[in-house]
Amino acid sequence: MLDVPQKNDLYGQLKNLIDDKHNKELECRRYLHYAKYLLFKETVINFVYVETEYRAHTGDSDYVISGEVRDESGVLCTRAYVWELKAPQCFVFEKDTENRLRPTRDLVQAENQLLNYFDELKGSSRAHAEFGVSHPENVRLGGVIIGCSRTKVKGDYETAKKARLYEIARRCRDFLYNPANIRLILWDRVLEQLEERMFINQTYETR
């Protein structure tokens, strides 16, 4: 059973962790329980299984989650998504030249871990059984969750240039990510999910 935080003020709890100066990867990971829909590309009908630190020969995958969805032809199936996590305190890109960024060591490490864990789980009949997946093609690459708005870029650029270079770096990274359907998500996006959830709950309670 997953260790999840209490429901009261989830947004505030996660925001404090993101704003912290120390590495809070493990603490932040617990809040994905309340942002599970973000981890799927399709609309989830029913969540099947989730595992943190899923043990494989190549290492422990940070977050694997499966759920019932409808495939492209409308047929009901179970798909599992593999995710790799780094703390919101980790930088995403760093200075390479005055006009170019490069991925940080943390991002490259996360990408490498993600691809290796995905490759192993895709061919693992044990993983298929545990996550309810009936075919290897239904094991999918989720992506990497890393950094936050203040750690998007490490470098001595002025603010506007830093924002522009980040958008270029993201666009260039998508040349690699898009064909494999890999997503790069900041922890701020997870925080937004919790805020949306809180708004929906408050709206429902006032009806």
C-alpha atoms as a PDB file:
ATOM      1  CA  MET A   1       0.000   0.000   0.000  1.00  0.00           C
ATOM      2  CA  LEU A   2       1.315   3.423  -0.976  1.00  0.00           C
ATOM      3  CA  ASP A   3       2.177   5.926   1.731  1.00  0.00           C
ATOM      4  CA  VAL A   4       0.164   8.987   0.725  1.00  0.00           C
ATOM      5  CA  PRO A   5      -0.218  12.380   2.413  1.00  0.00           C
ATOM      6  CA  GLN A   6      -3.392  13.487   4.136  1.00  0.00           C
ATOM      7  CA  LYS A   7      -5.995  15.145   1.913  1.00  0.00           C
ATOM      8  CA  ASN A   8      -6.198  18.426   3.789  1.00  0.00           C
ATOM      9  CA  ASP A   9      -4.377  21.222   1.894  1.00  0.00           C
ATOM     10  CA  LEU A  10      -2.523  19.001  -0.583  1.00  0.00           C
ATOM     11  CA  TYR A  11      -1.672  22.044  -2.687  1.00  0.00           C
ATOM     12  CA  GLY A  12      -0.026  23.869   0.205  1.00  0.00           C
ATOM     13  CA  GLN A  13       1.898  20.792   1.308  1.00  0.00           C
ATOM     14  CA  LEU A  14       3.359  20.133  -2.135  1.00  0.00           C
ATOM     15  CA  LYS A  15       4.106  23.814  -2.744  1.00  0.00           C
ATOM     16  CA  ASN A  16       6.154  23.921   0.457  1.00  0.00           C
ATOM     17  CA  LEU A  17       8.136  20.894  -0.712  1.00  0.00           C
ATOM     18  CA  ILE A  18       8.756  22.451  -4.122  1.00  0.00           C
ATOM     19  CA  ASP A  19       9.858  25.737  -2.528  1.00  0.00           C
ATOM     20  CA  ASP A  20      12.220  23.946  -0.139  1.00  0.00           C
ATOM     21  CA  LYS A  21      15.956  24.247  -0.803  1.00  0.00           C
ATOM     22  CA  HIS A  22      16.719  20.613   0.007  1.00  0.00           C
ATOM     23  CA  ASN A  23      16.112  17.597  -2.215  1.00  0.00           C
ATOM     24  CA  LYS A  24      12.477  16.534  -1.732  1.00  0.00           C
ATOM     25  CA  GLU A  25      12.043  13.937  -4.462  1.00  0.00           C
ATOM     26  CA  LEU A  26      10.711  11.164  -2.232  1.00  0.00           C
ATOM     27  CA  GLU A  27       8.344  13.464  -0.367  1.00  0.00           C
ATOM     28  CA  CYS A  28       6.988  14.945  -3.624  1.00  0.00           C
ATOM     29  CA  ARG A  29       6.509  11.521  -5.162  1.00  0.00           C
ATOM     30  CA  ARG A  30       3.771  10.724  -2.647  1.00  0.00           C
ATOM     31  CA  TYR A  31       1.574  13.479  -4.137  1.00  0.00           C
ATOM     32  CA  LEU A  32       1.391  11.770  -7.525  1.00  0.00           C
ATOM     33  CA  HIS A  33      -1.325   9.637  -5.929  1.00  0.00           C
ATOM     34  CA  TYR A  34      -3.600  12.670  -6.274  1.00  0.00           C
ATOM     35  CA  ALA A  35      -2.430  13.592  -9.798  1.00  0.00           C
ATOM     36  CA  LYS A  36      -2.647  10.160 -11.417  1.00  0.00           C
ATOM     37  CA  TYR A  37      -4.653  11.308 -14.435  1.00  0.00           C
ATOM     38  CA  LEU A  38      -1.703  13.492 -15.442  1.00  0.00           C
ATOM     39  CA  LEU A  39       0.418  10.372 -15.954  1.00  0.00           C
ATOM     40  CA  PHE A  40      -1.754   8.980 -18.760  1.00  0.00           C
ATOM     41  CA  LYS A  41      -2.147  10.174 -22.327  1.00  0.00           C
ATOM     42  CA  GLU A  42      -5.651   8.706 -22.500  1.00  0.00           C
ATOM     43  CA  THR A  43      -8.696   9.121 -20.299  1.00  0.00           C
ATOM     44  CA  VAL A  44      -8.492   6.541 -17.525  1.00  0.00           C
ATOM     45  CA  ILE A  45     -11.606   4.482 -16.883  1.00  0.00           C
ATOM     46  CA  ASN A  46     -10.214   2.619 -13.893  1.00  0.00           C
ATOM     47  CA  PHE A  47      -6.800   2.584 -12.224  1.00  0.00           C
ATOM     48  CA  VAL A  48      -5.374  -0.913 -11.886  1.00  0.00           C
ATOM     49  CA  TYR A  49      -2.026  -0.807 -10.084  1.00  0.00           C
ATOM     50  CA  VAL A  50       0.745   1.577  -9.088  1.00  0.00           C
ATOM     51  CA  GLU A  51       4.198   0.777  -7.783  1.00  0.00           C
ATOM     52  CA  THR A  52       7.068   2.965  -6.609  1.00  0.00           C
ATOM     53  CA  GLU A  53      10.659   1.723  -6.718  1.00  0.00           C
ATOM     54  CA  TYR A  54       9.594  -1.190  -8.914  1.00  0.00           C
ATOM     55  CA  ARG A  55      12.473  -3.678  -8.786  1.00  0.00           C
ATOM     56  CA  ALA A  56      14.061  -4.681 -12.098  1.00  0.00           C
ATOM     57  CA  HIS A  57      17.447  -6.101 -13.114  1.00  0.00           C
ATOM     58  CA  THR A  58      18.676  -2.695 -14.288  1.00  0.00           C
ATOM     59  CA  GLY A  59      17.525  -0.888 -11.126  1.00  0.00           C
ATOM     60  CA  ASP A  60      14.400   0.392  -9.398  1.00  0.00           C
ATOM     61  CA  SER A  61      11.929   2.289 -11.575  1.00  0.00           C
ATOM     62  CA  ASP A  62      10.582   5.328  -9.708  1.00  0.00           C
ATOM     63  CA  TYR A  63       6.925   5.148 -10.671  1.00  0.00           C
ATOM     64  CA  VAL A  64       4.938   2.669 -12.760  1.00  0.00           C
ATOM     65  CA  ILE A  65       1.182   3.023 -13.016  1.00  0.00           C
ATOM     66  CA  SER A  66      -1.439   1.090 -14.964  1.00  0.00           C
ATOM     67  CA  GLY A  67      -5.079   1.686 -15.758  1.00  0.00           C
ATOM     68  CA  GLU A  68      -7.921   0.690 -18.027  1.00  0.00           C
ATOM     69  CA  VAL A  69      -8.232   2.896 -21.105  1.00  0.00           C
ATOM     70  CA  ARG A  70      -9.684   2.668 -24.597  1.00  0.00           C
ATOM     71  CA  ASP A  71      -7.104   2.174 -27.319  1.00  0.00           C
ATOM     72  CA  GLU A  72      -7.085   4.001 -30.666  1.00  0.00           C
ATOM     73  CA  SER A  73      -9.755   1.660 -32.047  1.00  0.00           C
ATOM     74  CA  GLY A  74     -11.996   2.067 -29.011  1.00  0.00           C
ATOM     75  CA  VAL A  75     -11.201  -1.339 -27.478  1.00  0.00           C
ATOM     76  CA  LEU A  76     -10.835  -1.510 -23.692  1.00  0.00           C
ATOM     77  CA  CYS A  77      -7.320  -2.446 -22.551  1.00  0.00           C
ATOM     78  CA  THR A  78      -4.909  -1.944 -19.663  1.00  0.00           C
ATOM     79  CA  ARG A  79      -1.834   0.186 -20.227  1.00  0.00           C
ATOM     80  CA  ALA A  80       1.112   0.786 -17.926  1.00  0.00           C
ATOM     81  CA  TYR A  81       3.185   3.960 -17.994  1.00  0.00           C
ATOM     82  CA  VAL A  82       6.779   4.162 -16.760  1.00  0.00           C
ATOM     83  CA  TRP A  83       7.952   7.407 -15.146  1.00  0.00           C
ATOM     84  CA  GLU A  84      11.265   8.603 -13.788  1.00  0.00           C
ATOM     85  CA  LEU A  85      11.371  11.305 -11.124  1.00  0.00           C
ATOM     86  CA  LYS A  86      13.903  13.887 -10.020  1.00  0.00           C
ATOM     87  CA  ALA A  87      13.435  16.460  -7.284  1.00  0.00           C
ATOM     88  CA  PRO A  88      11.957  19.908  -7.972  1.00  0.00           C
ATOM     89  CA  GLN A  89      15.292  21.196  -6.692  1.00  0.00           C
ATOM     90  CA  CYS A  90      17.099  19.627  -9.702  1.00  0.00           C
ATOM     91  CA  PHE A  91      17.857  21.883 -12.653  1.00  0.00           C
ATOM     92  CA  VAL A  92      16.473  20.862 -16.043  1.00  0.00           C
ATOM     93  CA  PHE A  93      18.900  22.659 -18.369  1.00  0.00           C
ATOM     94  CA  GLU A  94      22.173  24.475 -17.802  1.00  0.00           C
ATOM     95  CA  LYS A  95      24.395  26.936 -19.622  1.00  0.00           C
ATOM     96  CA  ASP A  96      26.352  25.534 -22.562  1.00  0.00           C
ATOM     97  CA  THR A  97      27.152  28.757 -24.431  1.00  0.00           C
ATOM     98  CA  GLU A  98      25.823  32.309 -24.261  1.00  0.00           C
ATOM     99  CA  ASN A  99      23.031  31.296 -26.626  1.00  0.00           C
ATOM    100  CA  ARG A 100      22.534  27.580 -26.003  1.00  0.00           C
ATOM    101  CA  LEU A 101      21.560  25.313 -23.124  1.00  0.00           C
ATOM    102  CA  ARG A 102      22.285  21.650 -22.533  1.00  0.00           C
ATOM    103  CA  PRO A 103      20.416  19.073 -20.425  1.00  0.00           C
ATOM    104  CA  THR A 104      21.742  18.764 -16.906  1.00  0.00           C
ATOM    105  CA  ARG A 105      23.313  15.586 -15.608  1.00  0.00           C
ATOM    106  CA  ASP A 106      20.130  14.964 -13.583  1.00  0.00           C
ATOM    107  CA  LEU A 107      17.942  15.115 -16.694  1.00  0.00           C
ATOM    108  CA  VAL A 108      20.245  12.888 -18.750  1.00  0.00           C
ATOM    109  CA  GLN A 109      20.420  10.381 -15.901  1.00  0.00           C
ATOM    110  CA  ALA A 110      16.615  10.345 -15.637  1.00  0.00           C
ATOM    111  CA  GLU A 111      16.268   9.809 -19.390  1.00  0.00           C
ATOM    112  CA  ASN A 112      18.740   6.938 -19.334  1.00  0.00           C
ATOM    113  CA  GLN A 113      17.023   5.296 -16.369  1.00  0.00           C
ATOM    114  CA  LEU A 114      13.603   5.740 -17.972  1.00  0.00           C
ATOM    115  CA  LEU A 115      14.636   4.074 -21.240  1.00  0.00           C
ATOM    116  CA  ASN A 116      16.350   1.147 -19.527  1.00  0.00           C
ATOM    117  CA  TYR A 117      13.473   0.477 -17.134  1.00  0.00           C
ATOM    118  CA  PHE A 118      10.949   0.762 -19.953  1.00  0.00           C
ATOM    119  CA  ASP A 119      12.916  -1.673 -22.122  1.00  0.00           C
ATOM    120  CA  GLU A 120      13.031  -4.230 -19.324  1.00  0.00           C
ATOM    121  CA  LEU A 121       9.410  -3.884 -18.206  1.00  0.00           C
ATOM    122  CA  LYS A 122       8.175  -4.093 -21.785  1.00  0.00           C
ATOM    123  CA  GLY A 123       9.672  -7.587 -22.037  1.00  0.00           C
ATOM    124  CA  SER A 124       8.871  -8.746 -18.497  1.00  0.00           C
ATOM    125  CA  SER A 125       5.983 -11.204 -18.192  1.00  0.00           C
ATOM    126  CA  ARG A 126       6.121 -10.718 -14.402  1.00  0.00           C
ATOM    127  CA  ALA A 127       5.569  -6.969 -14.786  1.00  0.00           C
ATOM    128  CA  HIS A 128       2.778  -7.565 -17.293  1.00  0.00           C
ATOM    129  CA  ALA A 129       0.976  -9.823 -14.817  1.00  0.00           C
ATOM    130  CA  GLU A 130       1.416  -7.427 -11.884  1.00  0.00           C
ATOM    131  CA  PHE A 131       0.193  -4.383 -13.800  1.00  0.00           C
ATOM    132  CA  GLY A 132      -2.562  -6.249 -15.649  1.00  0.00           C
ATOM    133  CA  VAL A 133      -1.046  -5.697 -19.096  1.00  0.00           C
ATOM    134  CA  SER A 134      -1.928  -8.319 -21.713  1.00  0.00           C
ATOM    135  CA  HIS A 135       0.502  -7.236 -24.453  1.00  0.00           C
ATOM    136  CA  PRO A 136       4.028  -5.707 -24.405  1.00  0.00           C
ATOM    137  CA  GLU A 137       2.851  -2.849 -26.652  1.00  0.00           C
ATOM    138  CA  ASN A 138       0.649  -1.655 -23.794  1.00  0.00           C
ATOM    139  CA  VAL A 139       3.698  -0.849 -21.691  1.00  0.00           C
ATOM    140  CA  ARG A 140       4.335   2.786 -22.552  1.00  0.00           C
ATOM    141  CA  LEU A 141       6.914   5.480 -21.918  1.00  0.00           C
ATOM    142  CA  GLY A 142       5.537   8.081 -19.553  1.00  0.00           C
ATOM    143  CA  GLY A 143       8.389  10.510 -19.145  1.00  0.00           C
ATOM    144  CA  VAL A 144      10.408  12.508 -16.646  1.00  0.00           C
ATOM    145  CA  ILE A 145       9.134  14.761 -13.864  1.00  0.00           C
ATOM    146  CA  ILE A 146      11.899  17.109 -12.793  1.00  0.00           C
ATOM    147  CA  GLY A 147      12.545  20.647 -11.609  1.00  0.00           C
ATOM    148  CA  CYS A 148      10.182  23.581 -11.183  1.00  0.00           C
ATOM    149  CA  SER A 149       9.789  27.131 -12.434  1.00  0.00           C
ATOM    150  CA  ARG A 150      12.835  28.387 -10.535  1.00  0.00           C
ATOM    151  CA  THR A 151      15.100  25.485 -11.588  1.00  0.00           C
ATOM    152  CA  LYS A 152      14.343  25.362 -15.302  1.00  0.00           C
ATOM    153  CA  VAL A 153      17.716  26.883 -16.187  1.00  0.00           C
ATOM    154  CA  LYS A 154      21.049  26.987 -14.373  1.00  0.00           C
ATOM    155  CA  GLY A 155      23.150  29.845 -15.670  1.00  0.00           C
ATOM    156  CA  ASP A 156      23.934  33.541 -15.342  1.00  0.00           C
ATOM    157  CA  TYR A 157      21.432  34.786 -17.932  1.00  0.00           C
ATOM    158  CA  GLU A 158      19.075  37.691 -17.484  1.00  0.00           C
ATOM    159  CA  THR A 159      15.482  36.636 -16.882  1.00  0.00           C
ATOM    160  CA  ALA A 160      14.003  37.182 -20.356  1.00  0.00           C
ATOM    161  CA  LYS A 161      16.910  35.453 -22.093  1.00  0.00           C
ATOM    162  CA  LYS A 162      16.726  32.541 -19.667  1.00  0.00           C
ATOM    163  CA  ALA A 163      13.048  32.050 -20.509  1.00  0.00           C
ATOM    164  CA  ARG A 164      13.745  32.225 -24.256  1.00  0.00           C
ATOM    165  CA  LEU A 165      16.622  29.749 -24.103  1.00  0.00           C
ATOM    166  CA  TYR A 166      14.519  27.359 -22.042  1.00  0.00           C
ATOM    167  CA  GLU A 167      11.786  27.334 -24.692  1.00  0.00           C
ATOM    168  CA  ILE A 168      14.388  26.637 -27.393  1.00  0.00           C
ATOM    169  CA  ALA A 169      15.929  23.827 -25.330  1.00  0.00           C
ATOM    170  CA  ARG A 170      12.522  22.259 -24.735  1.00  0.00           C
ATOM    171  CA  ARG A 171      11.676  22.480 -28.420  1.00  0.00           C
ATOM    172  CA  CYS A 172      14.968  20.847 -29.394  1.00  0.00           C
ATOM    173  CA  ARG A 173      14.489  18.095 -26.813  1.00  0.00           C
ATOM    174  CA  ASP A 174      11.074  17.373 -28.289  1.00  0.00           C
ATOM    175  CA  PHE A 175      12.777  16.261 -31.514  1.00  0.00           C
ATOM    176  CA  LEU A 176      13.849  13.243 -29.455  1.00  0.00           C
ATOM    177  CA  TYR A 177      10.854  13.006 -27.148  1.00  0.00           C
ATOM    178  CA  ASN A 178       7.916  13.296 -29.535  1.00  0.00           C
ATOM    179  CA  PRO A 179       8.619  10.226 -31.735  1.00  0.00           C
ATOM    180  CA  ALA A 180       8.825   8.083 -28.565  1.00  0.00           C
ATOM    181  CA  ASN A 181       5.911   9.875 -26.829  1.00  0.00           C
ATOM    182  CA  ILE A 182       8.110  10.897 -23.898  1.00  0.00           C
ATOM    183  CA  ARG A 183       6.873  13.783 -21.765  1.00  0.00           C
ATOM    184  CA  LEU A 184       8.934  16.226 -19.732  1.00  0.00           C
ATOM    185  CA  ILE A 185       6.933  17.654 -16.837  1.00  0.00           C
ATOM    186  CA  LEU A 186       7.869  20.166 -14.158  1.00  0.00           C
ATOM    187  CA  TRP A 187       6.626  19.632 -10.613  1.00  0.00           C
ATOM    188  CA  ASP A 188       4.647  22.868 -11.053  1.00  0.00           C
ATOM    189  CA  ARG A 189       2.363  20.932 -13.418  1.00  0.00           C
ATOM    190  CA  VAL A 190       1.671  18.395 -10.684  1.00  0.00           C
ATOM    191  CA  LEU A 191       0.915  21.286  -8.343  1.00  0.00           C
ATOM    192  CA  GLU A 192      -1.542  22.667 -10.912  1.00  0.00           C
ATOM    193  CA  GLN A 193      -3.298  19.295 -10.949  1.00  0.00           C
ATOM    194  CA  LEU A 194      -3.765  19.463  -7.187  1.00  0.00           C
ATOM    195  CA  GLU A 195      -5.081  23.027  -7.481  1.00  0.00           C
ATOM    196  CA  GLU A 196      -7.562  21.918 -10.162  1.00  0.00           C
ATOM    197  CA  ARG A 197      -8.623  19.003  -7.982  1.00  0.00           C
ATOM    198  CA  MET A 198      -9.097  21.323  -4.999  1.00  0.00           C
ATOM    199  CA  PHE A 199     -11.197  23.716  -7.102  1.00  0.00           C
ATOM    200  CA  ILE A 200     -13.397  20.890  -8.389  1.00  0.00           C
ATOM    201  CA  ASN A 201     -13.903  19.535  -4.865  1.00  0.00           C
ATOM    202  CA  GLN A 202     -14.789  22.972  -3.493  1.00  0.00           C
ATOM    203  CA  THR A 203     -17.224  23.578  -6.366  1.00  0.00           C
ATOM    204  CA  TYR A 204     -18.876  20.217  -5.737  1.00  0.00           C
ATOM    205  CA  GLU A 205     -19.176  20.875  -1.986  1.00  0.00           C
ATOM    206  CA  THR A 206     -20.915  24.240  -2.528  1.00  0.00           C
ATOM    207  CA  ARG A 207     -23.635  22.738  -4.723  1.00  0.00           C
END
